[in-house]
Amino acid sequence: MRRDSTKTSILEAAIRLAMTHGYNRISREQIAAHAGCVPSVVSYHFGTMCKLRRAILGEAKRLHIEPILEQSQAALHGRGRK
């Protein structure tokens, strides 16, 4: 189904960007550009950036992507800001 593949592409792009730029430093526009869609499609599938970040974190937990898990812990404790 195309809808599921689009959502998967968005999440994969978001994870790649989070690995490169940081969990809290990515934007809807960056994600859309890397997923090959427009920002409104990202919003359609995930709603807010908060919900998208939760999806990123959930996938990072499922796949054991330590850099993203570490970033989320640092952000939780106020150490992820510059």
PDB file of N, CA and C in Angstrom:
ATOM      1  N   MET A   1       0.842  -1.181   0.000  1.00  0.00           N
ATOM      2  CA  MET A   1       0.000   0.000   0.000  1.00  0.00           C
ATOM      3  C   MET A   1       0.889   1.247   0.000  1.00  0.00           C
ATOM      4  N   ARG A   2       0.607   2.193  -0.858  1.00  0.00           N
ATOM      5  CA  ARG A   2       1.427   3.395  -1.033  1.00  0.00           C
ATOM      6  C   ARG A   2       1.501   4.227   0.245  1.00  0.00           C
ATOM      7  N   ARG A   3       0.394   4.342   0.969  1.00  0.00           N
ATOM      8  CA  ARG A   3       0.368   5.152   2.186  1.00  0.00           C
ATOM      9  C   ARG A   3       1.390   4.649   3.200  1.00  0.00           C
ATOM     10  N   ASP A   4       1.443   3.341   3.397  1.00  0.00           N
ATOM     11  CA  ASP A   4       2.401   2.766   4.335  1.00  0.00           C
ATOM     12  C   ASP A   4       3.831   2.982   3.868  1.00  0.00           C
ATOM     13  N   SER A   5       4.072   2.862   2.575  1.00  0.00           N
ATOM     14  CA  SER A   5       5.440   3.052   2.088  1.00  0.00           C
ATOM     15  C   SER A   5       5.875   4.507   2.227  1.00  0.00           C
ATOM     16  N   THR A   6       4.956   5.438   2.052  1.00  0.00           N
ATOM     17  CA  THR A   6       5.285   6.850   2.242  1.00  0.00           C
ATOM     18  C   THR A   6       5.621   7.120   3.704  1.00  0.00           C
ATOM     19  N   LYS A   7       4.810   6.608   4.603  1.00  0.00           N
ATOM     20  CA  LYS A   7       5.059   6.799   6.027  1.00  0.00           C
ATOM     21  C   LYS A   7       6.393   6.178   6.423  1.00  0.00           C
ATOM     22  N   THR A   8       6.685   5.000   5.898  1.00  0.00           N
ATOM     23  CA  THR A   8       7.961   4.338   6.173  1.00  0.00           C
ATOM     24  C   THR A   8       9.121   5.157   5.630  1.00  0.00           C
ATOM     25  N   SER A   9       8.979   5.692   4.421  1.00  0.00           N
ATOM     26  CA  SER A   9      10.037   6.521   3.822  1.00  0.00           C
ATOM     27  C   SER A   9      10.302   7.767   4.659  1.00  0.00           C
ATOM     28  N   ILE A  10       9.240   8.362   5.164  1.00  0.00           N
ATOM     29  CA  ILE A  10       9.381   9.553   6.004  1.00  0.00           C
ATOM     30  C   ILE A  10      10.120   9.198   7.285  1.00  0.00           C
ATOM     31  N   LEU A  11       9.723   8.120   7.928  1.00  0.00           N
ATOM     32  CA  LEU A  11      10.367   7.720   9.177  1.00  0.00           C
ATOM     33  C   LEU A  11      11.832   7.356   8.947  1.00  0.00           C
ATOM     34  N   GLU A  12      12.127   6.653   7.876  1.00  0.00           N
ATOM     35  CA  GLU A  12      13.522   6.315   7.566  1.00  0.00           C
ATOM     36  C   GLU A  12      14.353   7.568   7.324  1.00  0.00           C
ATOM     37  N   ALA A  13      13.801   8.519   6.589  1.00  0.00           N
ATOM     38  CA  ALA A  13      14.515   9.780   6.345  1.00  0.00           C
ATOM     39  C   ALA A  13      14.744  10.524   7.662  1.00  0.00           C
ATOM     40  N   ALA A  14      13.743  10.537   8.515  1.00  0.00           N
ATOM     41  CA  ALA A  14      13.860  11.217   9.802  1.00  0.00           C
ATOM     42  C   ALA A  14      14.948  10.577  10.667  1.00  0.00           C
ATOM     43  N   ILE A  15      15.028   9.270  10.650  1.00  0.00           N
ATOM     44  CA  ILE A  15      16.054   8.568  11.426  1.00  0.00           C
ATOM     45  C   ILE A  15      17.442   8.885  10.886  1.00  0.00           C
ATOM     46  N   ARG A  16      17.596   8.859   9.576  1.00  0.00           N
ATOM     47  CA  ARG A  16      18.904   9.205   8.980  1.00  0.00           C
ATOM     48  C   ARG A  16      19.313  10.625   9.361  1.00  0.00           C
ATOM     49  N   LEU A  17      18.378  11.550   9.279  1.00  0.00           N
ATOM     50  CA  LEU A  17      18.677  12.938   9.633  1.00  0.00           C
ATOM     51  C   LEU A  17      18.986  13.083  11.115  1.00  0.00           C
ATOM     52  N   ALA A  18      18.250  12.388  11.949  1.00  0.00           N
ATOM     53  CA  ALA A  18      18.504  12.442  13.393  1.00  0.00           C
ATOM     54  C   ALA A  18      19.901  11.928  13.708  1.00  0.00           C
ATOM     55  N   MET A  19      20.331  10.904  12.997  1.00  0.00           N
ATOM     56  CA  MET A  19      21.679  10.363  13.204  1.00  0.00           C
ATOM     57  C   MET A  19      22.744  11.392  12.809  1.00  0.00           C
ATOM     58  N   THR A  20      22.471  12.151  11.773  1.00  0.00           N
ATOM     59  CA  THR A  20      23.437  13.111  11.246  1.00  0.00           C
ATOM     60  C   THR A  20      23.395  14.462  11.959  1.00  0.00           C
ATOM     61  N   HIS A  21      22.193  14.978  12.167  1.00  0.00           N
ATOM     62  CA  HIS A  21      22.035  16.351  12.654  1.00  0.00           C
ATOM     63  C   HIS A  21      21.579  16.463  14.105  1.00  0.00           C
ATOM     64  N   GLY A  22      21.096  15.378  14.657  1.00  0.00           N
ATOM     65  CA  GLY A  22      20.593  15.418  16.028  1.00  0.00           C
ATOM     66  C   GLY A  22      19.085  15.271  16.089  1.00  0.00           C
ATOM     67  N   TYR A  23      18.660  14.548  17.050  1.00  0.00           N
ATOM     68  CA  TYR A  23      17.260  14.206  17.283  1.00  0.00           C
ATOM     69  C   TYR A  23      16.364  15.447  17.363  1.00  0.00           C
ATOM     70  N   ASN A  24      16.792  16.486  18.050  1.00  0.00           N
ATOM     71  CA  ASN A  24      15.980  17.688  18.228  1.00  0.00           C
ATOM     72  C   ASN A  24      16.320  18.815  17.260  1.00  0.00           C
ATOM     73  N   ARG A  25      17.162  18.548  16.300  1.00  0.00           N
ATOM     74  CA  ARG A  25      17.600  19.612  15.382  1.00  0.00           C
ATOM     75  C   ARG A  25      17.101  19.411  13.960  1.00  0.00           C
ATOM     76  N   ILE A  26      16.204  18.481  13.769  1.00  0.00           N
ATOM     77  CA  ILE A  26      15.697  18.254  12.415  1.00  0.00           C
ATOM     78  C   ILE A  26      14.329  18.906  12.265  1.00  0.00           C
ATOM     79  N   SER A  27      14.030  19.295  11.033  1.00  0.00           N
ATOM     80  CA  SER A  27      12.759  19.976  10.768  1.00  0.00           C
ATOM     81  C   SER A  27      11.894  19.142   9.831  1.00  0.00           C
ATOM     82  N   ARG A  28      10.641  19.469   9.831  1.00  0.00           N
ATOM     83  CA  ARG A  28       9.678  18.830   8.938  1.00  0.00           C
ATOM     84  C   ARG A  28      10.106  19.023   7.485  1.00  0.00           C
ATOM     85  N   GLU A  29      10.623  20.209   7.179  1.00  0.00           N
ATOM     86  CA  GLU A  29      11.045  20.521   5.815  1.00  0.00           C
ATOM     87  C   GLU A  29      12.235  19.665   5.395  1.00  0.00           C
ATOM     88  N   GLN A  30      13.211  19.509   6.291  1.00  0.00           N
ATOM     89  CA  GLN A  30      14.364  18.655   5.988  1.00  0.00           C
ATOM     90  C   GLN A  30      13.923  17.214   5.752  1.00  0.00           C
ATOM     91  N   ILE A  31      13.067  16.731   6.619  1.00  0.00           N
ATOM     92  CA  ILE A  31      12.593  15.353   6.514  1.00  0.00           C
ATOM     93  C   ILE A  31      11.858  15.155   5.194  1.00  0.00           C
ATOM     94  N   ALA A  32      10.974  16.080   4.862  1.00  0.00           N
ATOM     95  CA  ALA A  32      10.212  15.983   3.619  1.00  0.00           C
ATOM     96  C   ALA A  32      11.146  15.961   2.411  1.00  0.00           C
ATOM     97  N   ALA A  33      12.130  16.841   2.403  1.00  0.00           N
ATOM     98  CA  ALA A  33      13.073  16.886   1.281  1.00  0.00           C
ATOM     99  C   ALA A  33      13.810  15.565   1.117  1.00  0.00           C
ATOM    100  N   HIS A  34      14.213  14.959   2.220  1.00  0.00           N
ATOM    101  CA  HIS A  34      14.939  13.689   2.156  1.00  0.00           C
ATOM    102  C   HIS A  34      14.027  12.501   1.849  1.00  0.00           C
ATOM    103  N   ALA A  35      12.748  12.633   2.166  1.00  0.00           N
ATOM    104  CA  ALA A  35      11.795  11.551   1.901  1.00  0.00           C
ATOM    105  C   ALA A  35      11.165  11.690   0.515  1.00  0.00           C
ATOM    106  N   GLY A  36      11.416  12.804  -0.159  1.00  0.00           N
ATOM    107  CA  GLY A  36      10.857  13.012  -1.495  1.00  0.00           C
ATOM    108  C   GLY A  36       9.385  13.379  -1.488  1.00  0.00           C
ATOM    109  N   CYS A  37       8.991  14.169  -0.489  1.00  0.00           N
ATOM    110  CA  CYS A  37       7.598  14.612  -0.417  1.00  0.00           C
ATOM    111  C   CYS A  37       7.573  16.063   0.043  1.00  0.00           C
ATOM    112  N   VAL A  38       6.397  16.574   0.292  1.00  0.00           N
ATOM    113  CA  VAL A  38       6.256  17.940   0.795  1.00  0.00           C
ATOM    114  C   VAL A  38       5.971  17.885   2.295  1.00  0.00           C
ATOM    115  N   PRO A  39       6.270  18.971   3.019  1.00  0.00           N
ATOM    116  CA  PRO A  39       6.071  18.964   4.478  1.00  0.00           C
ATOM    117  C   PRO A  39       4.654  18.605   4.921  1.00  0.00           C
ATOM    118  N   SER A  40       3.655  18.968   4.138  1.00  0.00           N
ATOM    119  CA  SER A  40       2.284  18.646   4.534  1.00  0.00           C
ATOM    120  C   SER A  40       2.039  17.137   4.559  1.00  0.00           C
ATOM    121  N   VAL A  41       2.775  16.381   3.755  1.00  0.00           N
ATOM    122  CA  VAL A  41       2.641  14.921   3.778  1.00  0.00           C
ATOM    123  C   VAL A  41       3.234  14.364   5.078  1.00  0.00           C
ATOM    124  N   VAL A  42       4.316  14.953   5.540  1.00  0.00           N
ATOM    125  CA  VAL A  42       4.888  14.564   6.827  1.00  0.00           C
ATOM    126  C   VAL A  42       3.859  14.823   7.923  1.00  0.00           C
ATOM    127  N   SER A  43       3.230  15.978   7.886  1.00  0.00           N
ATOM    128  CA  SER A  43       2.202  16.316   8.873  1.00  0.00           C
ATOM    129  C   SER A  43       1.015  15.371   8.782  1.00  0.00           C
ATOM    130  N   TYR A  44       0.620  15.014   7.588  1.00  0.00           N
ATOM    131  CA  TYR A  44      -0.505  14.099   7.396  1.00  0.00           C
ATOM    132  C   TYR A  44      -0.247  12.762   8.098  1.00  0.00           C
ATOM    133  N   HIS A  45       0.963  12.243   7.951  1.00  0.00           N
ATOM    134  CA  HIS A  45       1.278  10.922   8.491  1.00  0.00           C
ATOM    135  C   HIS A  45       1.613  10.945   9.987  1.00  0.00           C
ATOM    136  N   PHE A  46       2.195  12.042  10.475  1.00  0.00           N
ATOM    137  CA  PHE A  46       2.677  12.058  11.855  1.00  0.00           C
ATOM    138  C   PHE A  46       2.075  13.163  12.716  1.00  0.00           C
ATOM    139  N   GLY A  47       1.375  14.086  12.123  1.00  0.00           N
ATOM    140  CA  GLY A  47       0.811  15.186  12.913  1.00  0.00           C
ATOM    141  C   GLY A  47       1.902  16.163  13.299  1.00  0.00           C
ATOM    142  N   THR A  48       2.158  16.283  14.567  1.00  0.00           N
ATOM    143  CA  THR A  48       3.133  17.251  15.074  1.00  0.00           C
ATOM    144  C   THR A  48       4.558  16.689  15.041  1.00  0.00           C
ATOM    145  N   MET A  49       5.513  17.587  15.185  1.00  0.00           N
ATOM    146  CA  MET A  49       6.911  17.149  15.276  1.00  0.00           C
ATOM    147  C   MET A  49       7.127  16.333  16.546  1.00  0.00           C
ATOM    148  N   CYS A  50       6.389  16.648  17.591  1.00  0.00           N
ATOM    149  CA  CYS A  50       6.485  15.875  18.827  1.00  0.00           C
ATOM    150  C   CYS A  50       6.098  14.415  18.567  1.00  0.00           C
ATOM    151  N   LYS A  51       5.015  14.213  17.837  1.00  0.00           N
ATOM    152  CA  LYS A  51       4.587  12.841  17.509  1.00  0.00           C
ATOM    153  C   LYS A  51       5.595  12.155  16.594  1.00  0.00           C
ATOM    154  N   LEU A  52       6.169  12.903  15.673  1.00  0.00           N
ATOM    155  CA  LEU A  52       7.182  12.324  14.787  1.00  0.00           C
ATOM    156  C   LEU A  52       8.428  11.952  15.588  1.00  0.00           C
ATOM    157  N   ARG A  53       8.837  12.804  16.513  1.00  0.00           N
ATOM    158  CA  ARG A  53       9.994  12.476  17.351  1.00  0.00           C
ATOM    159  C   ARG A  53       9.732  11.232  18.202  1.00  0.00           C
ATOM    160  N   ARG A  54       8.489  11.079  18.679  1.00  0.00           N
ATOM    161  CA  ARG A  54       8.141   9.864  19.420  1.00  0.00           C
ATOM    162  C   ARG A  54       8.249   8.633  18.528  1.00  0.00           C
ATOM    163  N   ALA A  55       7.830   8.767  17.273  1.00  0.00           N
ATOM    164  CA  ALA A  55       7.943   7.649  16.325  1.00  0.00           C
ATOM    165  C   ALA A  55       9.414   7.331  16.051  1.00  0.00           C
ATOM    166  N   ILE A  56      10.241   8.365  15.906  1.00  0.00           N
ATOM    167  CA  ILE A  56      11.679   8.164  15.709  1.00  0.00           C
ATOM    168  C   ILE A  56      12.260   7.422  16.909  1.00  0.00           C
ATOM    169  N   LEU A  57      11.918   7.878  18.082  1.00  0.00           N
ATOM    170  CA  LEU A  57      12.427   7.264  19.305  1.00  0.00           C
ATOM    171  C   LEU A  57      11.957   5.810  19.421  1.00  0.00           C
ATOM    172  N   GLY A  58      10.691   5.562  19.101  1.00  0.00           N
ATOM    173  CA  GLY A  58      10.173   4.198  19.143  1.00  0.00           C
ATOM    174  C   GLY A  58      10.920   3.275  18.193  1.00  0.00           C
ATOM    175  N   GLU A  59      11.196   3.767  17.010  1.00  0.00           N
ATOM    176  CA  GLU A  59      11.936   2.964  16.028  1.00  0.00           C
ATOM    177  C   GLU A  59      13.385   2.786  16.470  1.00  0.00           C
ATOM    178  N   ALA A  60      13.964   3.821  17.060  1.00  0.00           N
ATOM    179  CA  ALA A  60      15.335   3.716  17.575  1.00  0.00           C
ATOM    180  C   ALA A  60      15.414   2.668  18.679  1.00  0.00           C
ATOM    181  N   LYS A  61      14.405   2.618  19.526  1.00  0.00           N
ATOM    182  CA  LYS A  61      14.372   1.586  20.566  1.00  0.00           C
ATOM    183  C   LYS A  61      14.240   0.203  19.952  1.00  0.00           C
ATOM    184  N   ARG A  62      13.342   0.081  18.986  1.00  0.00           N
ATOM    185  CA  ARG A  62      13.103  -1.216  18.339  1.00  0.00           C
ATOM    186  C   ARG A  62      14.355  -1.726  17.631  1.00  0.00           C
ATOM    187  N   LEU A  63      15.075  -0.817  16.987  1.00  0.00           N
ATOM    188  CA  LEU A  63      16.257  -1.194  16.208  1.00  0.00           C
ATOM    189  C   LEU A  63      17.571  -1.028  16.978  1.00  0.00           C
ATOM    190  N   HIS A  64      17.479  -0.577  18.232  1.00  0.00           N
ATOM    191  CA  HIS A  64      18.659  -0.370  19.078  1.00  0.00           C
ATOM    192  C   HIS A  64      19.645   0.610  18.443  1.00  0.00           C
ATOM    193  N   ILE A  65      19.132   1.762  18.027  1.00  0.00           N
ATOM    194  CA  ILE A  65      19.973   2.813  17.439  1.00  0.00           C
ATOM    195  C   ILE A  65      20.444   3.702  18.582  1.00  0.00           C
ATOM    196  N   GLU A  66      21.571   3.342  19.140  1.00  0.00           N
ATOM    197  CA  GLU A  66      22.088   3.993  20.351  1.00  0.00           C
ATOM    198  C   GLU A  66      22.288   5.500  20.231  1.00  0.00           C
ATOM    199  N   PRO A  67      22.836   6.025  19.131  1.00  0.00           N
ATOM    200  CA  PRO A  67      23.037   7.487  19.087  1.00  0.00           C
ATOM    201  C   PRO A  67      21.741   8.272  19.284  1.00  0.00           C
ATOM    202  N   ILE A  68      20.646   7.812  18.709  1.00  0.00           N
ATOM    203  CA  ILE A  68      19.376   8.516  18.871  1.00  0.00           C
ATOM    204  C   ILE A  68      18.859   8.340  20.298  1.00  0.00           C
ATOM    205  N   LEU A  69      19.003   7.166  20.849  1.00  0.00           N
ATOM    206  CA  LEU A  69      18.570   6.931  22.233  1.00  0.00           C
ATOM    207  C   LEU A  69      19.357   7.814  23.195  1.00  0.00           C
ATOM    208  N   GLU A  70      20.649   7.943  22.949  1.00  0.00           N
ATOM    209  CA  GLU A  70      21.484   8.807  23.792  1.00  0.00           C
ATOM    210  C   GLU A  70      21.079  10.269  23.652  1.00  0.00           C
ATOM    211  N   GLN A  71      20.783  10.693  22.421  1.00  0.00           N
ATOM    212  CA  GLN A  71      20.349  12.075  22.196  1.00  0.00           C
ATOM    213  C   GLN A  71      19.059  12.369  22.925  1.00  0.00           C
ATOM    214  N   SER A  72      18.131  11.435  22.891  1.00  0.00           N
ATOM    215  CA  SER A  72      16.844  11.675  23.559  1.00  0.00           C
ATOM    216  C   SER A  72      17.028  11.756  25.070  1.00  0.00           C
ATOM    217  N   GLN A  73      17.924  10.947  25.618  1.00  0.00           N
ATOM    218  CA  GLN A  73      18.199  11.018  27.060  1.00  0.00           C
ATOM    219  C   GLN A  73      18.861  12.345  27.411  1.00  0.00           C
ATOM    220  N   ALA A  74      19.789  12.786  26.585  1.00  0.00           N
ATOM    221  CA  ALA A  74      20.454  14.062  26.830  1.00  0.00           C
ATOM    222  C   ALA A  74      19.444  15.209  26.770  1.00  0.00           C
ATOM    223  N   ALA A  75      18.544  15.164  25.805  1.00  0.00           N
ATOM    224  CA  ALA A  75      17.520  16.206  25.684  1.00  0.00           C
ATOM    225  C   ALA A  75      16.583  16.180  26.893  1.00  0.00           C
ATOM    226  N   LEU A  76      16.258  15.011  27.343  1.00  0.00           N
ATOM    227  CA  LEU A  76      15.378  14.857  28.505  1.00  0.00           C
ATOM    228  C   LEU A  76      15.990  15.499  29.751  1.00  0.00           C
ATOM    229  N   HIS A  77      17.300  15.418  29.847  1.00  0.00           N
ATOM    230  CA  HIS A  77      18.000  15.951  31.014  1.00  0.00           C
ATOM    231  C   HIS A  77      18.617  17.317  30.766  1.00  0.00           C
ATOM    232  N   GLY A  78      18.251  17.951  29.625  1.00  0.00           N
ATOM    233  CA  GLY A  78      18.695  19.295  29.348  1.00  0.00           C
ATOM    234  C   GLY A  78      20.116  19.428  28.857  1.00  0.00           C
ATOM    235  N   ARG A  79      20.735  18.309  28.468  1.00  0.00           N
ATOM    236  CA  ARG A  79      22.124  18.362  28.011  1.00  0.00           C
ATOM    237  C   ARG A  79      22.222  18.422  26.497  1.00  0.00           C
ATOM    238  N   GLY A  80      21.131  18.329  25.779  1.00  0.00           N
ATOM    239  CA  GLY A  80      21.183  18.304  24.329  1.00  0.00           C
ATOM    240  C   GLY A  80      21.129  19.653  23.672  1.00  0.00           C
ATOM    241  N   ARG A  81      21.084  20.721  24.471  1.00  0.00           N
ATOM    242  CA  ARG A  81      20.967  22.068  23.914  1.00  0.00           C
ATOM    243  C   ARG A  81      22.313  22.742  23.831  1.00  0.00           C
ATOM    244  N   LYS A  82      22.441  23.577  22.798  1.00  0.00           N
ATOM    245  CA  LYS A  82      23.651  24.389  22.653  1.00  0.00           C
ATOM    246  C   LYS A  82      23.281  25.842  22.677  1.00  0.00           C
TER     247      LYS A  82
END
